[in-house]
Amino acid sequence: MSEGEGIGALRAHHVMCVTTFAGKGYSTGFVREMTRVWRAIRDGSVAQVLVTAEADPVCHACPHLRDVENPESCRFQASVASRDRRMIEAMGWTEGQPVDLVQALEVVHESHTDLMARVCTGCEWVPICSRQRFTLREPAFDPGSPEA
């Protein structure tokens, strides 16, 4: 997803992650890219995404993705794709479907605890996300700030 692009691919579980993103991640590059996506969603410049179970632009900055040209080259592709598929199923989506983010994020906020139980099994970020600090809804929050 590049600046100004209205539709881009986003891993299905990243739709969940972005709601509680707190400026932490696998590497500086990953945090920078997730922050960019978080800001684009928050400011409304990205209103729709294509949900996928493959590496997305956020993943391209992750040290676990060995080859950005090969979305299956993530060291943890099987477990991460499983999380994506659980999110797709829980939300009633199909892979590759365009998803309206306003509607999707509303469902995620309303059903966060249930979705975490269904989708996030095995994720190392559960301790952060389970706090249910919905940073997208915090006007003063900035994931790029040192306080995040």
N, C-alpha and C. Protein backbone atom coordinates (compact mmCIF):
# COMPACT_ATOMS: atom_id res chain seq x y z
N MET A 1 0.86 -1.16 0.00
CA MET A 1 0.00 0.00 0.00
C MET A 1 0.90 1.22 0.00
N SER A 2 0.83 1.97 -1.03
CA SER A 2 1.66 3.17 -1.11
C SER A 2 0.84 4.40 -0.74
N GLU A 3 1.53 5.49 -0.49
CA GLU A 3 0.84 6.72 -0.10
C GLU A 3 -0.21 7.08 -1.15
N GLY A 4 -1.40 7.40 -0.69
CA GLY A 4 -2.44 7.83 -1.58
C GLY A 4 -3.23 6.71 -2.24
N GLU A 5 -2.80 5.48 -2.10
CA GLU A 5 -3.49 4.36 -2.71
C GLU A 5 -4.72 4.01 -1.90
N GLY A 6 -5.87 3.92 -2.56
CA GLY A 6 -7.12 3.68 -1.86
C GLY A 6 -7.32 2.25 -1.43
N ILE A 7 -6.88 1.29 -2.24
CA ILE A 7 -7.05 -0.12 -1.92
C ILE A 7 -5.70 -0.78 -1.99
N GLY A 8 -5.37 -1.52 -0.96
CA GLY A 8 -4.16 -2.31 -0.93
C GLY A 8 -4.44 -3.60 -0.19
N ALA A 9 -3.55 -4.54 -0.32
CA ALA A 9 -3.71 -5.80 0.40
C ALA A 9 -3.25 -5.61 1.85
N LEU A 10 -3.98 -6.23 2.75
CA LEU A 10 -3.61 -6.22 4.15
C LEU A 10 -3.93 -7.59 4.72
N ARG A 11 -2.97 -8.17 5.44
CA ARG A 11 -3.23 -9.45 6.08
C ARG A 11 -4.48 -9.29 6.92
N ALA A 12 -5.34 -10.29 6.88
CA ALA A 12 -6.61 -10.20 7.60
C ALA A 12 -6.40 -9.92 9.08
N HIS A 13 -5.43 -10.58 9.70
CA HIS A 13 -5.25 -10.35 11.14
C HIS A 13 -4.70 -8.96 11.42
N HIS A 14 -4.07 -8.31 10.45
CA HIS A 14 -3.59 -6.94 10.66
C HIS A 14 -4.75 -5.96 10.82
N VAL A 15 -5.92 -6.30 10.28
CA VAL A 15 -7.10 -5.46 10.52
C VAL A 15 -7.40 -5.45 12.02
N MET A 16 -7.16 -6.55 12.67
CA MET A 16 -7.35 -6.64 14.13
C MET A 16 -6.21 -5.90 14.85
N CYS A 17 -4.99 -6.16 14.43
CA CYS A 17 -3.81 -5.59 15.10
C CYS A 17 -3.79 -4.07 15.10
N VAL A 18 -4.22 -3.47 14.01
CA VAL A 18 -4.13 -2.02 13.87
C VAL A 18 -4.98 -1.29 14.91
N THR A 19 -6.02 -1.94 15.43
CA THR A 19 -6.89 -1.27 16.40
C THR A 19 -6.19 -1.00 17.73
N THR A 20 -5.24 -1.87 18.09
CA THR A 20 -4.55 -1.73 19.38
C THR A 20 -3.05 -1.49 19.20
N PHE A 21 -2.62 -1.17 17.97
CA PHE A 21 -1.20 -0.97 17.71
C PHE A 21 -0.63 0.10 18.63
N ALA A 22 0.47 -0.26 19.30
CA ALA A 22 1.06 0.63 20.31
C ALA A 22 2.50 1.02 19.98
N GLY A 23 2.89 0.93 18.70
CA GLY A 23 4.23 1.36 18.33
C GLY A 23 5.31 0.33 18.61
N LYS A 24 4.93 -0.93 18.74
CA LYS A 24 5.90 -2.00 18.99
C LYS A 24 5.80 -3.01 17.85
N GLY A 25 6.92 -3.74 17.62
CA GLY A 25 6.91 -4.71 16.54
C GLY A 25 8.21 -5.48 16.45
N TYR A 26 8.36 -6.22 15.36
CA TYR A 26 9.49 -7.14 15.17
C TYR A 26 10.80 -6.44 14.84
N SER A 27 10.71 -5.23 14.30
CA SER A 27 11.91 -4.48 13.93
C SER A 27 11.52 -3.01 13.77
N THR A 28 12.52 -2.16 13.66
CA THR A 28 12.27 -0.73 13.44
C THR A 28 11.50 -0.52 12.14
N GLY A 29 11.88 -1.25 11.09
CA GLY A 29 11.19 -1.13 9.81
C GLY A 29 9.74 -1.57 9.89
N PHE A 30 9.49 -2.66 10.61
CA PHE A 30 8.12 -3.15 10.77
C PHE A 30 7.28 -2.10 11.50
N VAL A 31 7.81 -1.55 12.57
CA VAL A 31 7.08 -0.54 13.34
C VAL A 31 6.82 0.69 12.47
N ARG A 32 7.80 1.10 11.70
CA ARG A 32 7.63 2.25 10.82
C ARG A 32 6.50 1.99 9.82
N GLU A 33 6.48 0.80 9.21
CA GLU A 33 5.46 0.50 8.20
C GLU A 33 4.08 0.35 8.84
N MET A 34 3.99 -0.31 9.99
CA MET A 34 2.70 -0.45 10.67
C MET A 34 2.20 0.92 11.13
N THR A 35 3.09 1.77 11.56
CA THR A 35 2.71 3.14 11.95
C THR A 35 2.15 3.88 10.75
N ARG A 36 2.78 3.75 9.59
CA ARG A 36 2.29 4.41 8.37
C ARG A 36 0.89 3.91 8.02
N VAL A 37 0.67 2.60 8.08
CA VAL A 37 -0.64 2.02 7.79
C VAL A 37 -1.66 2.49 8.83
N TRP A 38 -1.28 2.45 10.11
CA TRP A 38 -2.15 2.89 11.20
C TRP A 38 -2.60 4.34 10.97
N ARG A 39 -1.64 5.20 10.63
CA ARG A 39 -1.97 6.62 10.39
C ARG A 39 -2.88 6.79 9.19
N ALA A 40 -2.61 6.04 8.11
CA ALA A 40 -3.44 6.14 6.90
C ALA A 40 -4.87 5.70 7.18
N ILE A 41 -5.03 4.67 8.00
CA ILE A 41 -6.37 4.21 8.36
C ILE A 41 -7.04 5.24 9.27
N ARG A 42 -6.29 5.71 10.25
CA ARG A 42 -6.86 6.67 11.20
C ARG A 42 -7.29 7.97 10.53
N ASP A 43 -6.48 8.46 9.59
CA ASP A 43 -6.85 9.74 8.96
C ASP A 43 -7.83 9.56 7.80
N GLY A 44 -8.21 8.32 7.52
CA GLY A 44 -9.23 8.06 6.51
C GLY A 44 -8.72 7.99 5.08
N SER A 45 -7.40 8.08 4.87
CA SER A 45 -6.89 8.02 3.49
C SER A 45 -6.91 6.61 2.93
N VAL A 46 -7.06 5.61 3.77
CA VAL A 46 -7.26 4.23 3.33
C VAL A 46 -8.56 3.77 3.96
N ALA A 47 -9.59 3.66 3.14
CA ALA A 47 -10.91 3.30 3.64
C ALA A 47 -11.27 1.86 3.33
N GLN A 48 -10.49 1.22 2.44
CA GLN A 48 -10.81 -0.14 2.02
C GLN A 48 -9.51 -0.88 1.76
N VAL A 49 -9.50 -2.18 2.10
CA VAL A 49 -8.35 -3.04 1.84
C VAL A 49 -8.83 -4.36 1.27
N LEU A 50 -7.93 -5.05 0.60
CA LEU A 50 -8.19 -6.42 0.18
C LEU A 50 -7.59 -7.32 1.25
N VAL A 51 -8.40 -8.15 1.89
CA VAL A 51 -7.88 -9.00 2.95
C VAL A 51 -7.19 -10.21 2.34
N THR A 52 -6.05 -10.56 2.92
CA THR A 52 -5.23 -11.65 2.41
C THR A 52 -4.67 -12.49 3.55
N ALA A 53 -4.16 -13.66 3.19
CA ALA A 53 -3.47 -14.53 4.15
C ALA A 53 -2.02 -14.68 3.73
N GLU A 54 -1.52 -13.68 3.01
CA GLU A 54 -0.14 -13.67 2.56
C GLU A 54 0.53 -12.39 3.02
N ALA A 55 1.85 -12.35 2.87
CA ALA A 55 2.61 -11.17 3.26
C ALA A 55 2.05 -9.92 2.58
N ASP A 56 1.92 -8.86 3.36
CA ASP A 56 1.41 -7.58 2.89
C ASP A 56 2.52 -6.53 3.01
N PRO A 57 2.26 -5.27 2.69
CA PRO A 57 3.31 -4.26 2.81
C PRO A 57 3.90 -4.12 4.21
N VAL A 58 3.11 -4.36 5.24
CA VAL A 58 3.65 -4.33 6.61
C VAL A 58 4.69 -5.44 6.77
N CYS A 59 4.36 -6.61 6.27
CA CYS A 59 5.26 -7.76 6.36
C CYS A 59 6.57 -7.54 5.60
N HIS A 60 6.52 -6.74 4.54
CA HIS A 60 7.71 -6.51 3.74
C HIS A 60 8.83 -5.89 4.56
N ALA A 61 8.50 -5.26 5.67
CA ALA A 61 9.50 -4.66 6.55
C ALA A 61 9.84 -5.57 7.74
N CYS A 62 9.28 -6.77 7.77
CA CYS A 62 9.49 -7.69 8.89
C CYS A 62 10.74 -8.56 8.64
N PRO A 63 11.58 -8.72 9.65
CA PRO A 63 12.78 -9.53 9.46
C PRO A 63 12.49 -11.03 9.26
N HIS A 64 11.27 -11.46 9.52
CA HIS A 64 10.93 -12.88 9.34
C HIS A 64 10.54 -13.22 7.91
N LEU A 65 10.31 -12.21 7.07
CA LEU A 65 10.02 -12.43 5.66
C LEU A 65 11.35 -12.46 4.91
N ARG A 66 11.69 -13.60 4.37
CA ARG A 66 13.00 -13.78 3.73
C ARG A 66 13.08 -13.13 2.35
N ASP A 67 11.96 -13.10 1.60
CA ASP A 67 11.96 -12.62 0.23
C ASP A 67 10.63 -11.92 -0.05
N VAL A 68 10.64 -10.60 -0.23
CA VAL A 68 9.40 -9.86 -0.44
C VAL A 68 8.69 -10.27 -1.73
N GLU A 69 9.41 -10.86 -2.66
CA GLU A 69 8.81 -11.33 -3.91
C GLU A 69 8.07 -12.65 -3.71
N ASN A 70 8.32 -13.32 -2.58
CA ASN A 70 7.70 -14.61 -2.31
C ASN A 70 6.93 -14.51 -0.99
N PRO A 71 5.61 -14.26 -1.04
CA PRO A 71 4.84 -14.08 0.19
C PRO A 71 4.81 -15.30 1.10
N GLU A 72 5.22 -16.45 0.58
CA GLU A 72 5.25 -17.67 1.39
C GLU A 72 6.59 -17.83 2.12
N SER A 73 7.50 -16.88 1.95
CA SER A 73 8.84 -17.04 2.51
C SER A 73 8.98 -16.57 3.96
N CYS A 74 7.89 -16.25 4.60
CA CYS A 74 7.92 -15.88 6.02
C CYS A 74 8.29 -17.11 6.84
N ARG A 75 9.17 -16.94 7.80
CA ARG A 75 9.55 -18.05 8.68
C ARG A 75 8.35 -18.63 9.41
N PHE A 76 7.33 -17.82 9.63
CA PHE A 76 6.17 -18.24 10.39
C PHE A 76 4.89 -18.24 9.56
N GLN A 77 5.01 -18.40 8.24
CA GLN A 77 3.88 -18.29 7.33
C GLN A 77 2.72 -19.20 7.74
N ALA A 78 2.99 -20.44 8.11
CA ALA A 78 1.90 -21.37 8.43
C ALA A 78 1.07 -20.87 9.60
N SER A 79 1.71 -20.45 10.68
CA SER A 79 0.95 -20.01 11.86
C SER A 79 0.29 -18.65 11.62
N VAL A 80 0.97 -17.76 10.91
CA VAL A 80 0.40 -16.44 10.65
C VAL A 80 -0.78 -16.56 9.67
N ALA A 81 -0.62 -17.37 8.63
CA ALA A 81 -1.72 -17.56 7.67
C ALA A 81 -2.91 -18.21 8.35
N SER A 82 -2.66 -19.07 9.31
CA SER A 82 -3.75 -19.68 10.08
C SER A 82 -4.52 -18.60 10.84
N ARG A 83 -3.80 -17.66 11.42
CA ARG A 83 -4.42 -16.54 12.12
C ARG A 83 -5.26 -15.70 11.15
N ASP A 84 -4.70 -15.47 9.96
CA ASP A 84 -5.44 -14.72 8.93
C ASP A 84 -6.73 -15.45 8.57
N ARG A 85 -6.64 -16.74 8.35
CA ARG A 85 -7.83 -17.50 7.96
C ARG A 85 -8.88 -17.53 9.06
N ARG A 86 -8.43 -17.58 10.31
CA ARG A 86 -9.39 -17.52 11.42
C ARG A 86 -10.08 -16.16 11.45
N MET A 87 -9.35 -15.09 11.15
CA MET A 87 -9.95 -13.76 11.10
C MET A 87 -10.94 -13.67 9.94
N ILE A 88 -10.54 -14.18 8.79
CA ILE A 88 -11.42 -14.17 7.61
C ILE A 88 -12.71 -14.92 7.93
N GLU A 89 -12.59 -16.07 8.56
CA GLU A 89 -13.78 -16.86 8.91
C GLU A 89 -14.63 -16.13 9.95
N ALA A 90 -13.99 -15.60 10.98
CA ALA A 90 -14.72 -14.93 12.06
C ALA A 90 -15.49 -13.71 11.54
N MET A 91 -14.95 -13.04 10.55
CA MET A 91 -15.58 -11.83 10.02
C MET A 91 -16.53 -12.12 8.86
N GLY A 92 -16.55 -13.38 8.38
CA GLY A 92 -17.42 -13.73 7.27
C GLY A 92 -16.91 -13.22 5.93
N TRP A 93 -15.61 -13.03 5.82
CA TRP A 93 -15.00 -12.54 4.59
C TRP A 93 -14.57 -13.71 3.72
N THR A 94 -14.10 -13.40 2.52
CA THR A 94 -13.39 -14.35 1.68
C THR A 94 -12.04 -13.72 1.36
N GLU A 95 -11.02 -14.55 1.21
CA GLU A 95 -9.70 -14.01 0.92
C GLU A 95 -9.71 -13.27 -0.40
N GLY A 96 -9.10 -12.09 -0.42
CA GLY A 96 -9.05 -11.25 -1.60
C GLY A 96 -10.23 -10.29 -1.71
N GLN A 97 -11.14 -10.39 -0.76
CA GLN A 97 -12.33 -9.53 -0.77
C GLN A 97 -11.97 -8.11 -0.36
N PRO A 98 -12.55 -7.10 -1.05
CA PRO A 98 -12.39 -5.73 -0.56
C PRO A 98 -13.24 -5.55 0.70
N VAL A 99 -12.64 -4.98 1.72
CA VAL A 99 -13.31 -4.80 3.01
C VAL A 99 -13.33 -3.32 3.36
N ASP A 100 -14.50 -2.83 3.72
CA ASP A 100 -14.68 -1.46 4.19
C ASP A 100 -14.12 -1.39 5.61
N LEU A 101 -13.10 -0.58 5.81
CA LEU A 101 -12.42 -0.53 7.11
C LEU A 101 -13.27 0.07 8.22
N VAL A 102 -14.09 1.06 7.90
CA VAL A 102 -14.93 1.65 8.95
C VAL A 102 -15.83 0.57 9.55
N GLN A 103 -16.49 -0.19 8.69
CA GLN A 103 -17.37 -1.26 9.18
C GLN A 103 -16.58 -2.36 9.89
N ALA A 104 -15.47 -2.78 9.29
CA ALA A 104 -14.67 -3.85 9.88
C ALA A 104 -14.12 -3.46 11.24
N LEU A 105 -13.61 -2.24 11.36
CA LEU A 105 -13.05 -1.80 12.63
C LEU A 105 -14.12 -1.66 13.70
N GLU A 106 -15.31 -1.29 13.31
CA GLU A 106 -16.41 -1.22 14.27
C GLU A 106 -16.70 -2.60 14.84
N VAL A 107 -16.73 -3.61 13.99
CA VAL A 107 -16.95 -4.99 14.44
C VAL A 107 -15.81 -5.43 15.35
N VAL A 108 -14.59 -5.13 14.96
CA VAL A 108 -13.42 -5.51 15.77
C VAL A 108 -13.50 -4.86 17.15
N HIS A 109 -13.84 -3.58 17.21
CA HIS A 109 -13.96 -2.91 18.50
C HIS A 109 -15.07 -3.53 19.35
N GLU A 110 -16.20 -3.79 18.75
CA GLU A 110 -17.34 -4.35 19.50
C GLU A 110 -17.12 -5.78 19.95
N SER A 111 -16.36 -6.56 19.18
CA SER A 111 -16.20 -8.00 19.44
C SER A 111 -14.76 -8.36 19.76
N HIS A 112 -13.99 -7.42 20.26
CA HIS A 112 -12.55 -7.60 20.43
C HIS A 112 -12.19 -8.82 21.27
N THR A 113 -12.81 -8.99 22.40
CA THR A 113 -12.46 -10.12 23.28
C THR A 113 -12.75 -11.44 22.59
N ASP A 114 -13.91 -11.55 21.98
CA ASP A 114 -14.28 -12.78 21.27
C ASP A 114 -13.34 -13.03 20.09
N LEU A 115 -13.05 -12.00 19.31
CA LEU A 115 -12.16 -12.17 18.17
C LEU A 115 -10.76 -12.57 18.62
N MET A 116 -10.27 -11.97 19.69
CA MET A 116 -8.95 -12.37 20.18
C MET A 116 -8.92 -13.85 20.55
N ALA A 117 -9.97 -14.33 21.19
CA ALA A 117 -10.02 -15.74 21.58
C ALA A 117 -10.05 -16.64 20.34
N ARG A 118 -10.72 -16.20 19.30
CA ARG A 118 -10.85 -17.00 18.08
C ARG A 118 -9.66 -16.89 17.14
N VAL A 119 -9.03 -15.73 17.08
CA VAL A 119 -8.04 -15.43 16.05
C VAL A 119 -6.60 -15.47 16.55
N CYS A 120 -6.35 -14.99 17.75
CA CYS A 120 -4.99 -14.65 18.18
C CYS A 120 -4.22 -15.76 18.90
N THR A 121 -4.71 -16.95 18.87
CA THR A 121 -4.02 -18.07 19.52
C THR A 121 -2.57 -18.15 19.07
N GLY A 122 -1.66 -18.17 20.03
CA GLY A 122 -0.24 -18.30 19.74
C GLY A 122 0.49 -17.02 19.39
N CYS A 123 -0.20 -15.89 19.35
CA CYS A 123 0.44 -14.63 19.00
C CYS A 123 1.18 -14.04 20.20
N GLU A 124 2.40 -13.62 19.97
CA GLU A 124 3.21 -13.06 21.05
C GLU A 124 2.75 -11.68 21.51
N TRP A 125 1.88 -11.02 20.73
CA TRP A 125 1.45 -9.67 21.06
C TRP A 125 0.16 -9.65 21.88
N VAL A 126 -0.39 -10.81 22.21
CA VAL A 126 -1.64 -10.88 22.98
C VAL A 126 -1.57 -10.06 24.28
N PRO A 127 -0.47 -10.07 25.03
CA PRO A 127 -0.44 -9.26 26.25
C PRO A 127 -0.68 -7.77 26.02
N ILE A 128 -0.24 -7.25 24.88
CA ILE A 128 -0.47 -5.83 24.57
C ILE A 128 -1.92 -5.64 24.10
N CYS A 129 -2.34 -6.45 23.15
CA CYS A 129 -3.67 -6.27 22.55
C CYS A 129 -4.80 -6.56 23.54
N SER A 130 -4.57 -7.47 24.46
CA SER A 130 -5.63 -7.83 25.41
C SER A 130 -5.96 -6.70 26.38
N ARG A 131 -5.12 -5.69 26.44
CA ARG A 131 -5.41 -4.52 27.28
C ARG A 131 -6.59 -3.73 26.72
N GLN A 132 -6.91 -4.01 25.45
CA GLN A 132 -8.00 -3.33 24.75
C GLN A 132 -7.85 -1.82 24.77
N ARG A 133 -6.64 -1.38 24.56
CA ARG A 133 -6.39 0.04 24.38
C ARG A 133 -6.53 0.31 22.89
N PHE A 134 -7.67 0.84 22.49
CA PHE A 134 -7.97 1.04 21.08
C PHE A 134 -7.35 2.35 20.61
N THR A 135 -6.08 2.26 20.23
CA THR A 135 -5.30 3.45 19.90
C THR A 135 -5.85 4.21 18.70
N LEU A 136 -6.54 3.54 17.78
CA LEU A 136 -7.13 4.25 16.65
C LEU A 136 -8.18 5.26 17.11
N ARG A 137 -8.75 5.02 18.27
CA ARG A 137 -9.80 5.90 18.80
C ARG A 137 -9.26 6.95 19.78
N GLU A 138 -7.96 6.95 20.01
CA GLU A 138 -7.36 7.92 20.94
C GLU A 138 -6.80 9.09 20.14
N PRO A 139 -7.48 10.24 20.15
CA PRO A 139 -7.05 11.37 19.33
C PRO A 139 -5.61 11.82 19.58
N ALA A 140 -5.14 11.73 20.81
CA ALA A 140 -3.80 12.23 21.12
C ALA A 140 -2.72 11.16 20.97
N PHE A 141 -3.10 9.91 20.72
CA PHE A 141 -2.11 8.84 20.65
C PHE A 141 -1.33 8.91 19.34
N ASP A 142 -0.02 8.70 19.42
CA ASP A 142 0.85 8.63 18.26
C ASP A 142 1.79 7.45 18.46
N PRO A 143 1.66 6.38 17.64
CA PRO A 143 2.51 5.20 17.83
C PRO A 143 3.98 5.46 17.57
N GLY A 144 4.30 6.58 16.94
CA GLY A 144 5.69 6.92 16.67
C GLY A 144 6.35 7.70 17.79
N SER A 145 5.59 8.04 18.82
CA SER A 145 6.17 8.83 19.92
C SER A 145 6.89 7.90 20.91
N PRO A 146 7.87 8.42 21.61
CA PRO A 146 8.61 7.61 22.58
C PRO A 146 7.73 7.09 23.72
N GLU A 147 6.61 7.78 24.01
CA GLU A 147 5.73 7.37 25.09
C GLU A 147 4.86 6.18 24.73
N ALA A 148 4.73 5.89 23.43
CA ALA A 148 3.87 4.78 22.98
C ALA A 148 4.41 3.51 23.51
